[in-house]
């Protein structure tokens, strides 16, 4: 018997991420919309590019996207993934 997903997560973007995406290269944001978001909708917890963060960033997940890191949190009670930030990998974990 195959396991089926009973629901899909919605994707929400914070206001700060919405401002940031206006400055992004169109190619990069298209990759986020067509590759990353579908994966996060189906399973935001696990994947080759997904990592649960620890320490001061506990509660956040990151999606590795080439030289960039997409940060998000998961709100289970609302079945939603909230995209919070996108940073270049050199400064991604600076607080």
Protein backbone atom coordinates (compact mmCIF):
# COMPACT_ATOMS: atom_id res chain seq x y z
CA UNK A 1 0.00 0.00 0.00
CA UNK A 2 1.41 3.38 -1.01
CA UNK A 3 1.48 6.20 1.49
CA UNK A 4 -0.33 9.28 0.30
CA UNK A 5 -0.06 12.85 1.47
CA UNK A 6 -3.35 13.92 2.97
CA UNK A 7 -2.63 17.63 2.66
CA UNK A 8 -0.21 20.09 1.19
CA UNK A 9 1.36 23.00 2.97
CA UNK A 10 0.55 26.52 1.84
CA UNK A 11 3.42 28.91 1.21
CA UNK A 12 3.44 32.36 2.79
CA UNK A 13 6.10 35.05 2.41
CA UNK A 14 6.90 37.60 5.09
CA UNK A 15 6.72 41.27 4.11
CA UNK A 16 10.50 41.53 4.39
CA UNK A 17 10.94 38.60 1.98
CA UNK A 18 8.44 40.14 -0.43
CA UNK A 19 10.54 43.33 -0.47
CA UNK A 20 13.70 41.30 -0.96
CA UNK A 21 12.30 39.25 -3.85
CA UNK A 22 11.71 42.46 -5.86
CA UNK A 23 15.50 42.91 -5.91
CA UNK A 24 16.24 39.28 -6.84
CA UNK A 25 17.36 38.08 -10.20
CA UNK A 26 14.24 36.91 -12.04
CA UNK A 27 15.89 33.57 -12.83
CA UNK A 28 16.53 32.88 -9.14
CA UNK A 29 12.97 33.68 -8.06
CA UNK A 30 11.56 31.54 -10.89
CA UNK A 31 13.69 28.65 -9.59
CA UNK A 32 12.25 29.24 -6.11
CA UNK A 33 8.67 29.26 -7.44
CA UNK A 34 8.99 26.27 -9.77
CA UNK A 35 11.35 23.96 -7.87
CA UNK A 36 11.57 24.94 -4.20
CA UNK A 37 7.95 25.86 -3.43
CA UNK A 38 6.48 22.63 -4.85
CA UNK A 39 8.89 20.59 -2.74
CA UNK A 40 8.10 22.60 0.40
CA UNK A 41 4.37 22.21 -0.23
CA UNK A 42 4.65 18.43 -0.27
CA UNK A 43 7.28 17.92 2.46
CA UNK A 44 9.00 20.91 4.10
CA UNK A 45 10.77 18.69 6.67
CA UNK A 46 12.97 16.49 4.52
CA UNK A 47 14.97 16.70 1.31
CA UNK A 48 18.54 16.74 0.06
CA UNK A 49 18.69 20.55 0.27
CA UNK A 50 16.73 20.93 3.52
CA UNK A 51 18.31 21.23 6.94
CA UNK A 52 16.75 21.88 10.34
CA UNK A 53 18.79 24.58 12.04
CA UNK A 54 20.11 24.52 15.61
CA UNK A 55 21.35 26.98 18.20
CA UNK A 56 20.20 30.58 17.84
CA UNK A 57 18.33 29.68 14.64
CA UNK A 58 16.45 26.77 16.20
CA UNK A 59 12.93 26.50 14.82
CA UNK A 60 14.08 27.56 11.35
CA UNK A 61 14.82 25.40 8.35
CA UNK A 62 17.00 26.28 5.41
CA UNK A 63 16.81 25.24 1.79
CA UNK A 64 20.16 25.22 -0.03
CA UNK A 65 19.79 26.91 -3.40
CA UNK A 66 23.22 27.13 -5.06
CA UNK A 67 25.07 30.00 -3.41
CA UNK A 68 21.94 31.09 -1.54
CA UNK A 69 20.07 29.87 1.51
CA UNK A 70 16.30 30.21 1.76
CA UNK A 71 15.10 30.34 5.38
CA UNK A 72 11.64 29.32 6.53
CA UNK A 73 9.59 28.20 9.50
CA UNK A 74 6.82 25.63 9.57
CA UNK A 75 3.52 26.32 11.31
CA UNK A 76 1.92 22.90 11.68
CA UNK A 77 -1.31 24.14 13.23
CA UNK A 78 -2.02 26.18 10.10
CA UNK A 79 -0.35 23.77 7.63
CA UNK A 80 1.78 26.61 6.32
CA UNK A 81 5.43 27.23 5.43
CA UNK A 82 6.50 30.83 6.07
CA UNK A 83 9.41 32.01 3.92
CA UNK A 84 11.38 34.51 5.99
CA UNK A 85 14.64 35.31 4.20
CA UNK A 86 17.10 34.55 1.41
CA UNK A 87 20.81 35.24 1.92
CA UNK A 88 24.07 34.52 0.16
CA UNK A 89 25.80 31.58 1.80
CA UNK A 90 28.76 33.69 2.98
CA UNK A 91 26.55 35.75 5.30
CA UNK A 92 23.60 33.40 5.69
CA UNK A 93 24.13 32.45 9.31
CA UNK A 94 25.20 35.83 10.66
CA UNK A 95 22.73 37.26 13.14
